[in-house]
PDB file of N, CA and C in Angstrom:
ATOM      1  N   MET A   1      45.742 -26.440 -15.924  1.00  0.00           N
ATOM      2  CA  MET A   1      44.347 -26.044 -16.081  1.00  0.00           C
ATOM      3  C   MET A   1      43.665 -26.946 -17.103  1.00  0.00           C
ATOM      4  N   MET A   2      42.415 -27.186 -16.898  1.00  0.00           N
ATOM      5  CA  MET A   2      41.655 -28.082 -17.754  1.00  0.00           C
ATOM      6  C   MET A   2      41.264 -27.381 -19.060  1.00  0.00           C
ATOM      7  N   SER A   3      41.529 -28.056 -20.179  1.00  0.00           N
ATOM      8  CA  SER A   3      41.136 -27.505 -21.475  1.00  0.00           C
ATOM      9  C   SER A   3      39.665 -27.820 -21.745  1.00  0.00           C
ATOM     10  N   PHE A   4      39.115 -27.138 -22.737  1.00  0.00           N
ATOM     11  CA  PHE A   4      37.723 -27.353 -23.115  1.00  0.00           C
ATOM     12  C   PHE A   4      37.520 -28.787 -23.603  1.00  0.00           C
ATOM     13  N   GLU A   5      38.505 -29.325 -24.319  1.00  0.00           N
ATOM     14  CA  GLU A   5      38.410 -30.692 -24.838  1.00  0.00           C
ATOM     15  C   GLU A   5      38.380 -31.705 -23.699  1.00  0.00           C
ATOM     16  N   ILE A   6      39.210 -31.492 -22.679  1.00  0.00           N
ATOM     17  CA  ILE A   6      39.211 -32.388 -21.513  1.00  0.00           C
ATOM     18  C   ILE A   6      37.864 -32.311 -20.804  1.00  0.00           C
ATOM     19  N   PHE A   7      37.331 -31.093 -20.672  1.00  0.00           N
ATOM     20  CA  PHE A   7      36.026 -30.910 -20.032  1.00  0.00           C
ATOM     21  C   PHE A   7      34.956 -31.703 -20.780  1.00  0.00           C
ATOM     22  N   LEU A   8      34.945 -31.607 -22.109  1.00  0.00           N
ATOM     23  CA  LEU A   8      33.956 -32.354 -22.897  1.00  0.00           C
ATOM     24  C   LEU A   8      34.170 -33.862 -22.785  1.00  0.00           C
ATOM     25  N   LEU A   9      35.422 -34.282 -22.701  1.00  0.00           N
ATOM     26  CA  LEU A   9      35.712 -35.706 -22.515  1.00  0.00           C
ATOM     27  C   LEU A   9      35.161 -36.186 -21.174  1.00  0.00           C
ATOM     28  N   LEU A  10      35.376 -35.410 -20.112  1.00  0.00           N
ATOM     29  CA  LEU A  10      34.839 -35.778 -18.797  1.00  0.00           C
ATOM     30  C   LEU A  10      33.313 -35.811 -18.817  1.00  0.00           C
ATOM     31  N   LEU A  11      32.710 -34.849 -19.509  1.00  0.00           N
ATOM     32  CA  LEU A  11      31.249 -34.825 -19.630  1.00  0.00           C
ATOM     33  C   LEU A  11      30.751 -36.064 -20.365  1.00  0.00           C
ATOM     34  N   MET A  12      31.452 -36.471 -21.420  1.00  0.00           N
ATOM     35  CA  MET A  12      31.061 -37.663 -22.164  1.00  0.00           C
ATOM     36  C   MET A  12      31.199 -38.912 -21.284  1.00  0.00           C
ATOM     37  N   ILE A  13      32.295 -38.998 -20.538  1.00  0.00           N
ATOM     38  CA  ILE A  13      32.505 -40.147 -19.651  1.00  0.00           C
ATOM     39  C   ILE A  13      31.383 -40.234 -18.615  1.00  0.00           C
ATOM     40  N   VAL A  14      31.063 -39.098 -18.003  1.00  0.00           N
ATOM     41  CA  VAL A  14      29.990 -39.080 -17.004  1.00  0.00           C
ATOM     42  C   VAL A  14      28.657 -39.460 -17.639  1.00  0.00           C
ATOM     43  N   SER A  15      28.392 -38.971 -18.841  1.00  0.00           N
ATOM     44  CA  SER A  15      27.120 -39.274 -19.510  1.00  0.00           C
ATOM     45  C   SER A  15      26.985 -40.770 -19.804  1.00  0.00           C
ATOM     46  N   VAL A  16      28.056 -41.376 -20.302  1.00  0.00           N
ATOM     47  CA  VAL A  16      28.016 -42.814 -20.589  1.00  0.00           C
ATOM     48  C   VAL A  16      27.849 -43.610 -19.295  1.00  0.00           C
ATOM     49  N   LEU A  17      28.642 -43.269 -18.289  1.00  0.00           N
ATOM     50  CA  LEU A  17      28.537 -43.985 -17.012  1.00  0.00           C
ATOM     51  C   LEU A  17      27.186 -43.772 -16.344  1.00  0.00           C
ATOM     52  N   THR A  18      26.623 -42.575 -16.490  1.00  0.00           N
ATOM     53  CA  THR A  18      25.300 -42.310 -15.902  1.00  0.00           C
ATOM     54  C   THR A  18      24.259 -43.255 -16.479  1.00  0.00           C
ATOM     55  N   GLY A  19      24.266 -43.419 -17.796  1.00  0.00           N
ATOM     56  CA  GLY A  19      23.318 -44.331 -18.425  1.00  0.00           C
ATOM     57  C   GLY A  19      23.471 -45.755 -17.933  1.00  0.00           C
ATOM     58  N   LEU A  20      24.718 -46.214 -17.852  1.00  0.00           N
ATOM     59  CA  LEU A  20      24.972 -47.590 -17.423  1.00  0.00           C
ATOM     60  C   LEU A  20      24.616 -47.809 -15.951  1.00  0.00           C
ATOM     61  N   VAL A  21      25.075 -46.913 -15.100  1.00  0.00           N
ATOM     62  CA  VAL A  21      24.813 -47.061 -13.667  1.00  0.00           C
ATOM     63  C   VAL A  21      23.319 -46.933 -13.364  1.00  0.00           C
ATOM     64  N   THR A  22      22.667 -45.976 -14.016  1.00  0.00           N
ATOM     65  CA  THR A  22      21.230 -45.791 -13.800  1.00  0.00           C
ATOM     66  C   THR A  22      20.454 -47.042 -14.201  1.00  0.00           C
ATOM     67  N   GLU A  23      20.794 -47.636 -15.337  1.00  0.00           N
ATOM     68  CA  GLU A  23      20.108 -48.861 -15.767  1.00  0.00           C
ATOM     69  C   GLU A  23      20.343 -49.993 -14.771  1.00  0.00           C
ATOM     70  N   GLY A  24      21.563 -50.088 -14.247  1.00  0.00           N
ATOM     71  CA  GLY A  24      21.848 -51.122 -13.247  1.00  0.00           C
ATOM     72  C   GLY A  24      21.037 -50.927 -11.977  1.00  0.00           C
ATOM     73  N   ILE A  25      20.962 -49.691 -11.510  1.00  0.00           N
ATOM     74  CA  ILE A  25      20.182 -49.399 -10.300  1.00  0.00           C
ATOM     75  C   ILE A  25      18.695 -49.644 -10.546  1.00  0.00           C
ATOM     76  N   LYS A  26      18.199 -49.251 -11.726  1.00  0.00           N
ATOM     77  CA  LYS A  26      16.786 -49.482 -12.054  1.00  0.00           C
ATOM     78  C   LYS A  26      16.458 -50.976 -12.052  1.00  0.00           C
ATOM     79  N   LYS A  27      17.374 -51.795 -12.575  1.00  0.00           N
ATOM     80  CA  LYS A  27      17.150 -53.240 -12.571  1.00  0.00           C
ATOM     81  C   LYS A  27      17.054 -53.772 -11.147  1.00  0.00           C
ATOM     82  N   LEU A  28      17.961 -53.300 -10.288  1.00  0.00           N
ATOM     83  CA  LEU A  28      17.923 -53.726  -8.890  1.00  0.00           C
ATOM     84  C   LEU A  28      16.624 -53.303  -8.214  1.00  0.00           C
ATOM     85  N   LEU A  29      16.205 -52.068  -8.459  1.00  0.00           N
ATOM     86  CA  LEU A  29      14.973 -51.571  -7.848  1.00  0.00           C
ATOM     87  C   LEU A  29      13.748 -52.305  -8.389  1.00  0.00           C
ATOM     88  N   ASP A  30      13.758 -52.629  -9.682  1.00  0.00           N
ATOM     89  CA  ASP A  30      12.643 -53.385 -10.268  1.00  0.00           C
ATOM     90  C   ASP A  30      12.547 -54.776  -9.658  1.00  0.00           C
ATOM     91  N   GLU A  31      13.704 -55.436  -9.492  1.00  0.00           N
ATOM     92  CA  GLU A  31      13.708 -56.775  -8.897  1.00  0.00           C
ATOM     93  C   GLU A  31      13.235 -56.743  -7.446  1.00  0.00           C
ATOM     94  N   ALA A  32      13.548 -55.659  -6.745  1.00  0.00           N
ATOM     95  CA  ALA A  32      13.113 -55.519  -5.357  1.00  0.00           C
ATOM     96  C   ALA A  32      11.705 -54.939  -5.265  1.00  0.00           C
ATOM     97  N   LYS A  33      11.114 -54.639  -6.427  1.00  0.00           N
ATOM     98  CA  LYS A  33       9.765 -54.063  -6.510  1.00  0.00           C
ATOM     99  C   LYS A  33       9.657 -52.767  -5.699  1.00  0.00           C
ATOM    100  N   LYS A  34      10.708 -51.961  -5.784  1.00  0.00           N
ATOM    101  CA  LYS A  34      10.741 -50.654  -5.111  1.00  0.00           C
ATOM    102  C   LYS A  34      10.381 -49.573  -6.131  1.00  0.00           C
ATOM    103  N   PRO A  35       9.513 -48.653  -5.768  1.00  0.00           N
ATOM    104  CA  PRO A  35       9.169 -47.572  -6.703  1.00  0.00           C
ATOM    105  C   PRO A  35      10.313 -46.541  -6.777  1.00  0.00           C
ATOM    106  N   TYR A  36      10.447 -45.925  -7.934  1.00  0.00           N
ATOM    107  CA  TYR A  36      11.461 -44.894  -8.135  1.00  0.00           C
ATOM    108  C   TYR A  36      11.029 -43.969  -9.262  1.00  0.00           C
ATOM    109  N   ARG A  37      11.639 -42.809  -9.302  1.00  0.00           N
ATOM    110  CA  ARG A  37      11.420 -41.863 -10.400  1.00  0.00           C
ATOM    111  C   ARG A  37      12.680 -41.880 -11.246  1.00  0.00           C
ATOM    112  N   ALA A  38      12.531 -42.290 -12.495  1.00  0.00           N
ATOM    113  CA  ALA A  38      13.683 -42.501 -13.368  1.00  0.00           C
ATOM    114  C   ALA A  38      14.507 -41.223 -13.559  1.00  0.00           C
ATOM    115  N   ASN A  39      13.858 -40.084 -13.792  1.00  0.00           N
ATOM    116  CA  ASN A  39      14.607 -38.844 -14.015  1.00  0.00           C
ATOM    117  C   ASN A  39      15.356 -38.403 -12.770  1.00  0.00           C
ATOM    118  N   LEU A  40      14.728 -38.528 -11.617  1.00  0.00           N
ATOM    119  CA  LEU A  40      15.387 -38.160 -10.368  1.00  0.00           C
ATOM    120  C   LEU A  40      16.583 -39.071 -10.117  1.00  0.00           C
ATOM    121  N   LEU A  41      16.403 -40.354 -10.356  1.00  0.00           N
ATOM    122  CA  LEU A  41      17.482 -41.317 -10.185  1.00  0.00           C
ATOM    123  C   LEU A  41      18.651 -40.986 -11.119  1.00  0.00           C
ATOM    124  N   ALA A  42      18.357 -40.711 -12.390  1.00  0.00           N
ATOM    125  CA  ALA A  42      19.406 -40.379 -13.355  1.00  0.00           C
ATOM    126  C   ALA A  42      20.117 -39.090 -12.968  1.00  0.00           C
ATOM    127  N   GLY A  43      19.380 -38.107 -12.490  1.00  0.00           N
ATOM    128  CA  GLY A  43      19.984 -36.848 -12.066  1.00  0.00           C
ATOM    129  C   GLY A  43      20.922 -37.024 -10.888  1.00  0.00           C
ATOM    130  N   ILE A  44      20.502 -37.808  -9.906  1.00  0.00           N
ATOM    131  CA  ILE A  44      21.339 -38.058  -8.728  1.00  0.00           C
ATOM    132  C   ILE A  44      22.607 -38.822  -9.117  1.00  0.00           C
ATOM    133  N   VAL A  45      22.446 -39.835  -9.953  1.00  0.00           N
ATOM    134  CA  VAL A  45      23.606 -40.603 -10.417  1.00  0.00           C
ATOM    135  C   VAL A  45      24.569 -39.700 -11.180  1.00  0.00           C
ATOM    136  N   ALA A  46      24.050 -38.828 -12.032  1.00  0.00           N
ATOM    137  CA  ALA A  46      24.893 -37.924 -12.813  1.00  0.00           C
ATOM    138  C   ALA A  46      25.684 -36.981 -11.911  1.00  0.00           C
ATOM    139  N   VAL A  47      25.043 -36.446 -10.894  1.00  0.00           N
ATOM    140  CA  VAL A  47      25.724 -35.525  -9.975  1.00  0.00           C
ATOM    141  C   VAL A  47      26.835 -36.251  -9.219  1.00  0.00           C
ATOM    142  N   VAL A  48      26.528 -37.431  -8.687  1.00  0.00           N
ATOM    143  CA  VAL A  48      27.526 -38.188  -7.925  1.00  0.00           C
ATOM    144  C   VAL A  48      28.705 -38.580  -8.817  1.00  0.00           C
ATOM    145  N   LEU A  49      28.415 -39.065 -10.016  1.00  0.00           N
ATOM    146  CA  LEU A  49      29.484 -39.467 -10.929  1.00  0.00           C
ATOM    147  C   LEU A  49      30.323 -38.274 -11.388  1.00  0.00           C
ATOM    148  N   SER A  50      29.696 -37.138 -11.651  1.00  0.00           N
ATOM    149  CA  SER A  50      30.462 -35.980 -12.115  1.00  0.00           C
ATOM    150  C   SER A  50      31.397 -35.477 -11.022  1.00  0.00           C
ATOM    151  N   ILE A  51      30.954 -35.493  -9.780  1.00  0.00           N
ATOM    152  CA  ILE A  51      31.837 -35.104  -8.671  1.00  0.00           C
ATOM    153  C   ILE A  51      32.987 -36.105  -8.557  1.00  0.00           C
ATOM    154  N   GLY A  52      32.682 -37.381  -8.684  1.00  0.00           N
ATOM    155  CA  GLY A  52      33.725 -38.405  -8.611  1.00  0.00           C
ATOM    156  C   GLY A  52      34.729 -38.324  -9.744  1.00  0.00           C
ATOM    157  N   VAL A  53      34.243 -38.139 -10.969  1.00  0.00           N
ATOM    158  CA  VAL A  53      35.133 -38.056 -12.133  1.00  0.00           C
ATOM    159  C   VAL A  53      36.009 -36.810 -12.055  1.00  0.00           C
ATOM    160  N   ASP A  54      35.429 -35.684 -11.681  1.00  0.00           N
ATOM    161  CA  ASP A  54      36.216 -34.454 -11.569  1.00  0.00           C
ATOM    162  C   ASP A  54      37.230 -34.566 -10.433  1.00  0.00           C
ATOM    163  N   SER A  55      36.834 -35.168  -9.330  1.00  0.00           N
ATOM    164  CA  SER A  55      37.768 -35.377  -8.217  1.00  0.00           C
ATOM    165  C   SER A  55      38.926 -36.273  -8.647  1.00  0.00           C
ATOM    166  N   GLY A  56      38.606 -37.313  -9.404  1.00  0.00           N
ATOM    167  CA  GLY A  56      39.646 -38.193  -9.928  1.00  0.00           C
ATOM    168  C   GLY A  56      40.604 -37.456 -10.846  1.00  0.00           C
ATOM    169  N   TYR A  57      40.065 -36.592 -11.697  1.00  0.00           N
ATOM    170  CA  TYR A  57      40.907 -35.786 -12.593  1.00  0.00           C
ATOM    171  C   TYR A  57      41.831 -34.890 -11.777  1.00  0.00           C
ATOM    172  N   ILE A  58      41.283 -34.231 -10.763  1.00  0.00           N
ATOM    173  CA  ILE A  58      42.087 -33.324  -9.928  1.00  0.00           C
ATOM    174  C   ILE A  58      43.208 -34.093  -9.228  1.00  0.00           C
ATOM    175  N   ILE A  59      42.904 -35.276  -8.722  1.00  0.00           N
ATOM    176  CA  ILE A  59      43.910 -36.080  -8.019  1.00  0.00           C
ATOM    177  C   ILE A  59      44.972 -36.589  -8.987  1.00  0.00           C
ATOM    178  N   LEU A  60      44.549 -37.151 -10.123  1.00  0.00           N
ATOM    179  CA  LEU A  60      45.505 -37.736 -11.073  1.00  0.00           C
ATOM    180  C   LEU A  60      46.414 -36.701 -11.716  1.00  0.00           C
ATOM    181  N   THR A  61      45.907 -35.500 -11.955  1.00  0.00           N
ATOM    182  CA  THR A  61      46.724 -34.462 -12.586  1.00  0.00           C
ATOM    183  C   THR A  61      47.392 -33.553 -11.566  1.00  0.00           C
ATOM    184  N   GLU A  62      47.125 -33.807 -10.297  1.00  0.00           N
ATOM    185  CA  GLU A  62      47.683 -32.998  -9.201  1.00  0.00           C
ATOM    186  C   GLU A  62      47.372 -31.511  -9.397  1.00  0.00           C
ATOM    187  N   THR A  63      46.156 -31.243  -9.841  1.00  0.00           N
ATOM    188  CA  THR A  63      45.693 -29.878 -10.048  1.00  0.00           C
ATOM    189  C   THR A  63      45.259 -29.283  -8.712  1.00  0.00           C
ATOM    190  N   ALA A  64      45.597 -28.025  -8.514  1.00  0.00           N
ATOM    191  CA  ALA A  64      45.189 -27.346  -7.286  1.00  0.00           C
ATOM    192  C   ALA A  64      43.710 -26.998  -7.374  1.00  0.00           C
ATOM    193  N   MET A  65      43.009 -27.202  -6.277  1.00  0.00           N
ATOM    194  CA  MET A  65      41.597 -26.825  -6.224  1.00  0.00           C
ATOM    195  C   MET A  65      41.518 -25.322  -5.935  1.00  0.00           C
ATOM    196  N   ASN A  66      41.137 -24.571  -6.947  1.00  0.00           N
ATOM    197  CA  ASN A  66      41.011 -23.118  -6.799  1.00  0.00           C
ATOM    198  C   ASN A  66      39.647 -22.695  -7.335  1.00  0.00           C
ATOM    199  N   GLU A  67      39.451 -21.399  -7.471  1.00  0.00           N
ATOM    200  CA  GLU A  67      38.152 -20.883  -7.913  1.00  0.00           C
ATOM    201  C   GLU A  67      37.797 -21.377  -9.318  1.00  0.00           C
ATOM    202  N   LYS A  68      38.781 -21.430 -10.213  1.00  0.00           N
ATOM    203  CA  LYS A  68      38.513 -21.884 -11.584  1.00  0.00           C
ATOM    204  C   LYS A  68      38.076 -23.339 -11.603  1.00  0.00           C
ATOM    205  N   MET A  69      38.755 -24.182 -10.819  1.00  0.00           N
ATOM    206  CA  MET A  69      38.382 -25.592 -10.770  1.00  0.00           C
ATOM    207  C   MET A  69      37.018 -25.773 -10.113  1.00  0.00           C
ATOM    208  N   ALA A  70      36.693 -24.917  -9.153  1.00  0.00           N
ATOM    209  CA  ALA A  70      35.373 -24.990  -8.529  1.00  0.00           C
ATOM    210  C   ALA A  70      34.282 -24.668  -9.547  1.00  0.00           C
ATOM    211  N   VAL A  71      34.516 -23.665 -10.389  1.00  0.00           N
ATOM    212  CA  VAL A  71      33.549 -23.316 -11.435  1.00  0.00           C
ATOM    213  C   VAL A  71      33.421 -24.458 -12.439  1.00  0.00           C
ATOM    214  N   ILE A  72      34.549 -25.062 -12.800  1.00  0.00           N
ATOM    215  CA  ILE A  72      34.518 -26.197 -13.732  1.00  0.00           C
ATOM    216  C   ILE A  72      33.745 -27.363 -13.120  1.00  0.00           C
ATOM    217  N   LEU A  73      33.958 -27.627 -11.825  1.00  0.00           N
ATOM    218  CA  LEU A  73      33.232 -28.710 -11.149  1.00  0.00           C
ATOM    219  C   LEU A  73      31.734 -28.438 -11.147  1.00  0.00           C
ATOM    220  N   ILE A  74      31.352 -27.213 -10.845  1.00  0.00           N
ATOM    221  CA  ILE A  74      29.929 -26.853 -10.842  1.00  0.00           C
ATOM    222  C   ILE A  74      29.340 -26.999 -12.244  1.00  0.00           C
ATOM    223  N   ALA A  75      30.082 -26.544 -13.259  1.00  0.00           N
ATOM    224  CA  ALA A  75      29.608 -26.670 -14.641  1.00  0.00           C
ATOM    225  C   ALA A  75      29.464 -28.134 -15.035  1.00  0.00           C
ATOM    226  N   LEU A  76      30.424 -28.963 -14.638  1.00  0.00           N
ATOM    227  CA  LEU A  76      30.354 -30.391 -14.960  1.00  0.00           C
ATOM    228  C   LEU A  76      29.160 -31.040 -14.277  1.00  0.00           C
ATOM    229  N   VAL A  77      28.917 -30.692 -13.032  1.00  0.00           N
ATOM    230  CA  VAL A  77      27.762 -31.244 -12.308  1.00  0.00           C
ATOM    231  C   VAL A  77      26.468 -30.826 -12.996  1.00  0.00           C
ATOM    232  N   LEU A  78      26.318 -29.539 -13.307  1.00  0.00           N
ATOM    233  CA  LEU A  78      25.083 -29.054 -13.934  1.00  0.00           C
ATOM    234  C   LEU A  78      24.879 -29.643 -15.324  1.00  0.00           C
ATOM    235  N   LEU A  79      25.931 -29.664 -16.138  1.00  0.00           N
ATOM    236  CA  LEU A  79      25.784 -30.208 -17.488  1.00  0.00           C
ATOM    237  C   LEU A  79      25.583 -31.718 -17.470  1.00  0.00           C
ATOM    238  N   SER A  80      26.171 -32.407 -16.510  1.00  0.00           N
ATOM    239  CA  SER A  80      25.938 -33.850 -16.382  1.00  0.00           C
ATOM    240  C   SER A  80      24.495 -34.131 -16.004  1.00  0.00           C
ATOM    241  N   TRP A  81      23.974 -33.335 -15.068  1.00  0.00           N
ATOM    242  CA  TRP A  81      22.567 -33.481 -14.690  1.00  0.00           C
ATOM    243  C   TRP A  81      21.670 -33.194 -15.900  1.00  0.00           C
ATOM    244  N   LEU A  82      21.981 -32.142 -16.625  1.00  0.00           N
ATOM    245  CA  LEU A  82      21.195 -31.787 -17.813  1.00  0.00           C
ATOM    246  C   LEU A  82      21.280 -32.890 -18.864  1.00  0.00           C
ATOM    247  N   SER A  83      22.467 -33.460 -19.049  1.00  0.00           N
ATOM    248  CA  SER A  83      22.633 -34.564 -20.002  1.00  0.00           C
ATOM    249  C   SER A  83      21.786 -35.760 -19.609  1.00  0.00           C
ATOM    250  N   ALA A  84      21.708 -36.023 -18.316  1.00  0.00           N
ATOM    251  CA  ALA A  84      20.898 -37.146 -17.851  1.00  0.00           C
ATOM    252  C   ALA A  84      19.418 -36.902 -18.120  1.00  0.00           C
ATOM    253  N   MET A  85      19.003 -35.641 -18.086  1.00  0.00           N
ATOM    254  CA  MET A  85      17.591 -35.304 -18.287  1.00  0.00           C
ATOM    255  C   MET A  85      17.203 -35.231 -19.769  1.00  0.00           C
ATOM    256  N   VAL A  86      18.045 -34.614 -20.612  1.00  0.00           N
ATOM    257  CA  VAL A  86      17.653 -34.378 -22.008  1.00  0.00           C
ATOM    258  C   VAL A  86      18.516 -35.109 -23.020  1.00  0.00           C
ATOM    259  N   GLY A  87      19.641 -35.636 -22.615  1.00  0.00           N
ATOM    260  CA  GLY A  87      20.512 -36.367 -23.523  1.00  0.00           C
ATOM    261  C   GLY A  87      21.797 -35.614 -23.830  1.00  0.00           C
ATOM    262  N   TYR A  88      22.870 -36.371 -23.940  1.00  0.00           N
ATOM    263  CA  TYR A  88      24.207 -35.817 -24.169  1.00  0.00           C
ATOM    264  C   TYR A  88      24.281 -35.044 -25.481  1.00  0.00           C
ATOM    265  N   ASP A  89      23.687 -35.595 -26.548  1.00  0.00           N
ATOM    266  CA  ASP A  89      23.765 -34.951 -27.862  1.00  0.00           C
ATOM    267  C   ASP A  89      23.170 -33.547 -27.845  1.00  0.00           C
ATOM    268  N   LYS A  90      22.050 -33.376 -27.167  1.00  0.00           N
ATOM    269  CA  LYS A  90      21.407 -32.060 -27.095  1.00  0.00           C
ATOM    270  C   LYS A  90      22.273 -31.051 -26.339  1.00  0.00           C
ATOM    271  N   VAL A  91      22.922 -31.507 -25.264  1.00  0.00           N
ATOM    272  CA  VAL A  91      23.782 -30.620 -24.480  1.00  0.00           C
ATOM    273  C   VAL A  91      24.993 -30.200 -25.306  1.00  0.00           C
ATOM    274  N   ILE A  92      25.626 -31.139 -26.012  1.00  0.00           N
ATOM    275  CA  ILE A  92      26.791 -30.819 -26.848  1.00  0.00           C
ATOM    276  C   ILE A  92      26.391 -29.880 -27.971  1.00  0.00           C
ATOM    277  N   GLN A  93      25.220 -30.100 -28.558  1.00  0.00           N
ATOM    278  CA  GLN A  93      24.729 -29.202 -29.609  1.00  0.00           C
ATOM    279  C   GLN A  93      24.550 -27.788 -29.061  1.00  0.00           C
ATOM    280  N   ALA A  94      23.984 -27.660 -27.878  1.00  0.00           N
ATOM    281  CA  ALA A  94      23.791 -26.331 -27.271  1.00  0.00           C
ATOM    282  C   ALA A  94      25.125 -25.670 -26.953  1.00  0.00           C
ATOM    283  N   ILE A  95      26.083 -26.439 -26.439  1.00  0.00           N
ATOM    284  CA  ILE A  95      27.411 -25.885 -26.148  1.00  0.00           C
ATOM    285  C   ILE A  95      28.066 -25.408 -27.437  1.00  0.00           C
ATOM    286  N   GLY A  96      27.939 -26.203 -28.491  1.00  0.00           N
ATOM    287  CA  GLY A  96      28.511 -25.819 -29.780  1.00  0.00           C
ATOM    288  C   GLY A  96      27.906 -24.542 -30.319  1.00  0.00           C
ATOM    289  N   GLN A  97      26.626 -24.361 -30.131  1.00  0.00           N
ATOM    290  CA  GLN A  97      25.970 -23.142 -30.608  1.00  0.00           C
ATOM    291  C   GLN A  97      26.380 -21.927 -29.784  1.00  0.00           C
ATOM    292  N   ILE A  98      26.656 -22.134 -28.515  1.00  0.00           N
ATOM    293  CA  ILE A  98      27.105 -21.023 -27.671  1.00  0.00           C
ATOM    294  C   ILE A  98      28.551 -20.672 -27.999  1.00  0.00           C
ATOM    295  N   LYS A  99      29.397 -21.686 -28.125  1.00  0.00           N
ATOM    296  CA  LYS A  99      30.819 -21.451 -28.373  1.00  0.00           C
ATOM    297  C   LYS A  99      31.070 -20.988 -29.798  1.00  0.00           C
ATOM    298  N   PHE A 100      30.394 -21.592 -30.765  1.00  0.00           N
ATOM    299  CA  PHE A 100      30.565 -21.256 -32.171  1.00  0.00           C
ATOM    300  C   PHE A 100      29.213 -20.900 -32.762  1.00  0.00           C
ATOM    301  N   PRO A 101      28.770 -19.650 -32.620  1.00  0.00           N
ATOM    302  CA  PRO A 101      27.446 -19.272 -33.120  1.00  0.00           C
ATOM    303  C   PRO A 101      27.331 -19.484 -34.627  1.00  0.00           C
ATOM    304  N   SER A 102      26.156 -19.859 -35.045  1.00  0.00           N
ATOM    305  CA  SER A 102      25.883 -20.072 -36.452  1.00  0.00           C
ATOM    306  C   SER A 102      25.955 -18.750 -37.209  1.00  0.00           C
ATOM    307  N   LYS A 103      26.436 -18.826 -38.451  1.00  0.00           N
ATOM    308  CA  LYS A 103      26.541 -17.612 -39.260  1.00  0.00           C
ATOM    309  C   LYS A 103      25.267 -17.385 -40.086  1.00  0.00           C
ATOM    310  N   ASP A 104      24.292 -18.298 -39.960  1.00  0.00           N
ATOM    311  CA  ASP A 104      23.012 -18.135 -40.655  1.00  0.00           C
ATOM    312  C   ASP A 104      22.227 -17.018 -40.014  1.00  0.00           C
ATOM    313  N   LYS A 105      21.576 -16.230 -40.838  1.00  0.00           N
ATOM    314  CA  LYS A 105      20.764 -15.142 -40.285  1.00  0.00           C
ATOM    315  C   LYS A 105      19.357 -15.241 -40.726  1.00  0.00           C
TER     316      LYS A 105
END
């Protein structure tokens, strides 16, 4: 089963790759003078990469695809898309606040 640390590592990998791949695609589209929406492009790239990265993890670790892994895949896709829209740091900060609530009142 995937640990929380592995999940965050996969999210970080997808976030870094999303930025790089999106910039590469934007350069190609700019050179071809094709119009695009940057946020939509980043969101699509994030979803495709998160499915690919999670699939790679499942194959390499020989993990069975069950309900728990399906939920993890959905969470990775959604958080990757969110990271592409608002930034990885903001998503990690929100996860940290949910997992470890602040003791300030």
